Amino acid sequence: MSQTRSRSFSVVKVSYTRSASEAKGSVRYMQHRQSDVGERGARQLFDRWGEVSRQQAYDRLDQAGEQGGKTYYYRLVLNPGEGHADLDEDGRQAWTAEVMKRIEAQGVKVRDWVAVSHTDQGEHDHVHVVAALSRTLQKDELAELRTSSREAYSQQKELQLELGVYQHNPSLLDYLQEEHQQDLAHDRELEQQQRQRQRSLEWDY
């Protein structure tokens, strides 16, 4: 009897180093790691604002280490489970940015981070991240991060599905926009009627 495999959303292979040089080596590795067919290309790096070059990533990691206090360079793999193409590249980048926000919500200063998507290596799409943090992550925080990353992934998947429906059905989007305009007009009409009734009551008084 076959069993349906459920997605096991997780954050895996979490480790850190205090060395900016090692962190930059991780960036180089995750950008140029061989694909399943042995090709070694240059994947596009990104951060919370969009695409970045490798040199920009290096400079930013160096700058993060120059800030006051200790810097911990974390290497994370955001793994949504088996399978491919649940999210497109924009979706993976938005999901990664949300996960980093949730790390900050735990009271950890994220001084900077850079990431890259792997869609051609392994049996599932995943994202590698190198993040400069102000302190280490505790076990309970990592457990919470796994939960919050799963929630963020699901939300991004729903958003992408919703946007995809609109993009592939422009008439539906036009219909929703027309309904919105009609609702606004109806609200304005009701407001005008309410004002007229109010003025009428004032005159009667």
Protein backbone atom coordinates (compact mmCIF):
# COMPACT_ATOMS: atom_id res chain seq x y z
CA MET A 1 0.00 0.00 0.00
CA SER A 2 1.49 3.32 -1.05
CA GLN A 3 1.67 6.19 1.37
CA THR A 4 1.33 9.84 0.53
CA ARG A 5 4.43 11.71 1.59
CA SER A 6 3.63 14.87 3.50
CA ARG A 7 5.83 17.90 3.32
CA SER A 8 8.14 18.19 6.31
CA PHE A 9 8.88 21.90 6.43
CA SER A 10 12.04 22.60 8.36
CA VAL A 11 15.11 24.69 8.82
CA VAL A 12 18.05 22.32 8.53
CA LYS A 13 21.84 22.33 8.66
CA VAL A 14 22.06 25.27 11.03
CA SER A 15 25.62 26.15 11.97
CA TYR A 16 27.68 29.26 12.59
CA THR A 17 31.19 30.62 12.53
CA ARG A 18 32.83 33.70 14.01
CA SER A 19 35.02 34.13 10.91
CA ALA A 20 33.95 36.54 8.17
CA SER A 21 36.37 34.76 5.84
CA GLU A 22 34.62 31.42 6.40
CA ALA A 23 31.25 33.11 5.92
CA LYS A 24 32.38 34.49 2.57
CA GLY A 25 33.61 31.02 1.64
CA SER A 26 30.11 29.73 2.32
CA VAL A 27 28.67 32.39 0.02
CA ARG A 28 31.05 31.35 -2.74
CA TYR A 29 30.23 27.67 -2.21
CA MET A 30 26.46 28.05 -2.19
CA GLN A 31 26.54 30.26 -5.29
CA HIS A 32 28.71 27.89 -7.34
CA ARG A 33 27.82 24.46 -5.97
CA GLN A 34 27.42 21.88 -8.73
CA SER A 35 23.96 20.98 -9.97
CA ASP A 36 22.68 17.42 -10.13
CA VAL A 37 24.07 17.10 -13.65
CA GLY A 38 27.51 18.34 -12.66
CA GLU A 39 27.19 21.90 -13.97
CA ARG A 40 28.81 24.68 -11.95
CA GLY A 41 27.09 27.94 -12.75
CA ALA A 42 26.76 31.22 -10.91
CA ARG A 43 23.40 31.39 -9.16
CA GLN A 44 21.96 34.82 -8.38
CA LEU A 45 22.49 36.04 -4.83
CA PHE A 46 19.80 38.12 -3.16
CA ASP A 47 19.03 39.93 0.08
CA ARG A 48 15.97 41.65 1.55
CA TRP A 49 16.04 44.32 -1.19
CA GLY A 50 16.72 42.17 -4.25
CA GLU A 51 19.70 40.92 -6.26
CA VAL A 52 23.27 41.50 -5.07
CA SER A 53 26.67 40.67 -6.50
CA ARG A 54 29.11 38.39 -4.70
CA GLN A 55 31.44 41.30 -4.00
CA GLN A 56 28.57 43.27 -2.47
CA ALA A 57 27.78 40.26 -0.29
CA TYR A 58 31.42 40.03 0.81
CA ASP A 59 31.57 43.74 1.66
CA ARG A 60 28.37 43.59 3.67
CA LEU A 61 29.50 40.59 5.69
CA ASP A 62 32.77 42.37 6.46
CA GLN A 63 30.87 45.48 7.54
CA ALA A 64 28.59 43.42 9.76
CA GLY A 65 31.64 42.11 11.57
CA GLU A 66 32.93 45.64 12.14
CA GLN A 67 29.89 46.65 14.14
CA GLY A 68 30.08 46.74 17.92
CA GLY A 69 29.83 43.47 19.81
CA LYS A 70 30.29 39.91 18.62
CA THR A 71 29.08 38.72 15.23
CA TYR A 72 27.94 35.19 14.53
CA TYR A 73 27.77 34.20 10.88
CA TYR A 74 24.99 31.66 10.59
CA ARG A 75 24.62 29.24 7.70
CA LEU A 76 21.05 28.05 7.26
CA VAL A 77 19.24 25.94 4.72
CA LEU A 78 15.54 26.72 4.41
CA ASN A 79 14.01 23.47 3.29
CA PRO A 80 10.27 23.24 2.51
CA GLY A 81 10.34 19.45 2.05
CA GLU A 82 10.28 17.12 -0.91
CA GLY A 83 9.26 18.39 -4.32
CA HIS A 84 9.79 21.29 -6.65
CA ALA A 85 8.15 24.49 -7.87
CA ASP A 86 5.74 25.22 -5.01
CA LEU A 87 7.16 28.75 -5.09
CA ASP A 88 8.75 30.66 -7.94
CA GLU A 89 11.94 32.69 -7.42
CA ASP A 90 10.08 35.79 -6.24
CA GLY A 91 8.18 33.63 -3.79
CA ARG A 92 11.33 31.99 -2.44
CA GLN A 93 12.97 35.37 -1.94
CA ALA A 94 9.89 36.76 -0.16
CA TRP A 95 9.73 33.64 2.03
CA THR A 96 13.41 33.99 2.96
CA ALA A 97 12.99 37.66 3.86
CA GLU A 98 10.02 36.79 6.08
CA VAL A 99 11.99 34.07 7.87
CA MET A 100 14.75 36.57 8.62
CA LYS A 101 12.19 39.00 9.99
CA ARG A 102 10.94 36.29 12.30
CA ILE A 103 14.45 35.71 13.58
CA GLU A 104 14.61 39.38 14.47
CA ALA A 105 11.21 39.08 16.18
CA GLN A 106 12.90 36.66 18.61
CA GLY A 107 15.12 39.49 19.79
CA VAL A 108 18.14 38.68 17.64
CA LYS A 109 19.73 41.52 15.70
CA VAL A 110 20.14 40.45 12.08
CA ARG A 111 22.96 42.70 10.97
CA ASP A 112 22.84 41.50 7.37
CA TRP A 113 22.14 38.44 5.28
CA VAL A 114 22.51 37.09 1.77
CA ALA A 115 20.90 34.05 0.20
CA VAL A 116 20.61 31.97 -2.97
CA SER A 117 18.00 29.52 -4.27
CA HIS A 118 18.94 25.97 -5.20
CA THR A 119 16.45 24.50 -7.66
CA ASP A 120 18.87 22.25 -9.52
CA GLN A 121 20.52 20.39 -6.66
CA GLY A 122 18.90 17.66 -4.58
CA GLU A 123 15.36 16.36 -4.58
CA HIS A 124 13.76 19.56 -3.39
CA ASP A 125 14.01 23.29 -3.91
CA HIS A 126 15.68 25.04 -0.98
CA VAL A 127 17.38 28.28 -0.03
CA HIS A 128 20.88 28.75 1.43
CA VAL A 129 21.35 31.74 3.71
CA VAL A 130 24.39 33.31 5.32
CA ALA A 131 23.29 35.72 8.05
CA ALA A 132 25.32 37.90 10.40
CA LEU A 133 23.61 37.77 13.81
CA SER A 134 24.32 39.55 17.06
CA ARG A 135 24.17 36.37 19.14
CA THR A 136 23.66 32.63 18.90
CA LEU A 137 20.23 31.05 18.42
CA GLN A 138 19.00 28.89 21.28
CA LYS A 139 17.34 25.48 20.87
CA ASP A 140 13.88 26.78 21.68
CA GLU A 141 14.38 29.63 19.20
CA LEU A 142 15.37 27.18 16.47
CA ALA A 143 12.29 25.10 17.21
CA GLU A 144 10.11 28.20 16.98
CA LEU A 145 11.87 29.18 13.77
CA ARG A 146 10.93 25.87 12.18
CA THR A 147 7.30 26.53 13.02
CA SER A 148 7.32 30.14 11.87
CA SER A 149 9.13 29.27 8.64
CA ARG A 150 6.44 26.71 7.87
CA GLU A 151 3.75 29.33 8.48
CA ALA A 152 5.57 31.90 6.34
CA TYR A 153 5.97 29.39 3.53
CA SER A 154 2.27 28.50 3.56
CA GLN A 155 1.29 32.17 3.51
CA GLN A 156 3.61 32.88 0.59
CA LYS A 157 2.29 29.86 -1.29
CA GLU A 158 -1.30 31.06 -0.83
CA LEU A 159 -0.36 34.55 -1.96
CA GLN A 160 1.40 33.23 -5.05
CA LEU A 161 -1.60 31.05 -5.88
CA GLU A 162 -3.92 34.02 -5.49
CA LEU A 163 -1.75 36.25 -7.67
CA GLY A 164 -1.44 33.46 -10.22
CA VAL A 165 -5.21 33.18 -10.45
CA TYR A 166 -5.47 36.89 -11.17
CA GLN A 167 -2.59 36.89 -13.64
CA HIS A 168 -4.04 34.01 -15.62
CA ASN A 169 -7.58 35.38 -15.40
CA PRO A 170 -7.38 39.13 -16.09
CA SER A 171 -11.15 39.26 -16.51
CA LEU A 172 -11.48 38.11 -12.89
CA LEU A 173 -9.22 40.92 -11.71
CA ASP A 174 -11.21 43.42 -13.80
CA TYR A 175 -14.42 42.07 -12.28
CA LEU A 176 -13.09 42.44 -8.72
CA GLN A 177 -11.89 45.97 -9.41
CA GLU A 178 -15.28 46.89 -10.88
CA GLU A 179 -17.03 45.45 -7.84
CA HIS A 180 -14.74 47.48 -5.59
CA GLN A 181 -15.61 50.69 -7.44
CA GLN A 182 -19.31 49.88 -7.18
CA ASP A 183 -18.97 49.30 -3.45
CA LEU A 184 -17.24 52.66 -3.07
CA ALA A 185 -19.99 54.40 -5.04
CA HIS A 186 -22.64 52.69 -2.92
CA ASP A 187 -20.91 53.76 0.29
CA ARG A 188 -20.73 57.37 -0.94
CA GLU A 189 -24.44 57.29 -1.80
CA LEU A 190 -25.37 55.96 1.63
CA GLU A 191 -23.20 58.62 3.28
CA GLN A 192 -24.87 61.35 1.25
CA GLN A 193 -28.34 60.06 2.17
CA GLN A 194 -27.34 59.98 5.84
CA ARG A 195 -26.20 63.61 5.68
CA GLN A 196 -29.44 64.66 4.01
CA ARG A 197 -31.50 62.94 6.72
CA GLN A 198 -29.39 64.62 9.37
CA ARG A 199 -29.96 68.06 7.85
CA SER A 200 -33.68 67.33 7.62
CA LEU A 201 -33.85 66.46 11.29
CA GLU A 202 -31.99 69.63 12.19
CA TRP A 203 -34.50 71.75 10.24
CA ASP A 204 -37.47 69.94 11.82
CA TYR A 205 -36.04 70.64 15.23
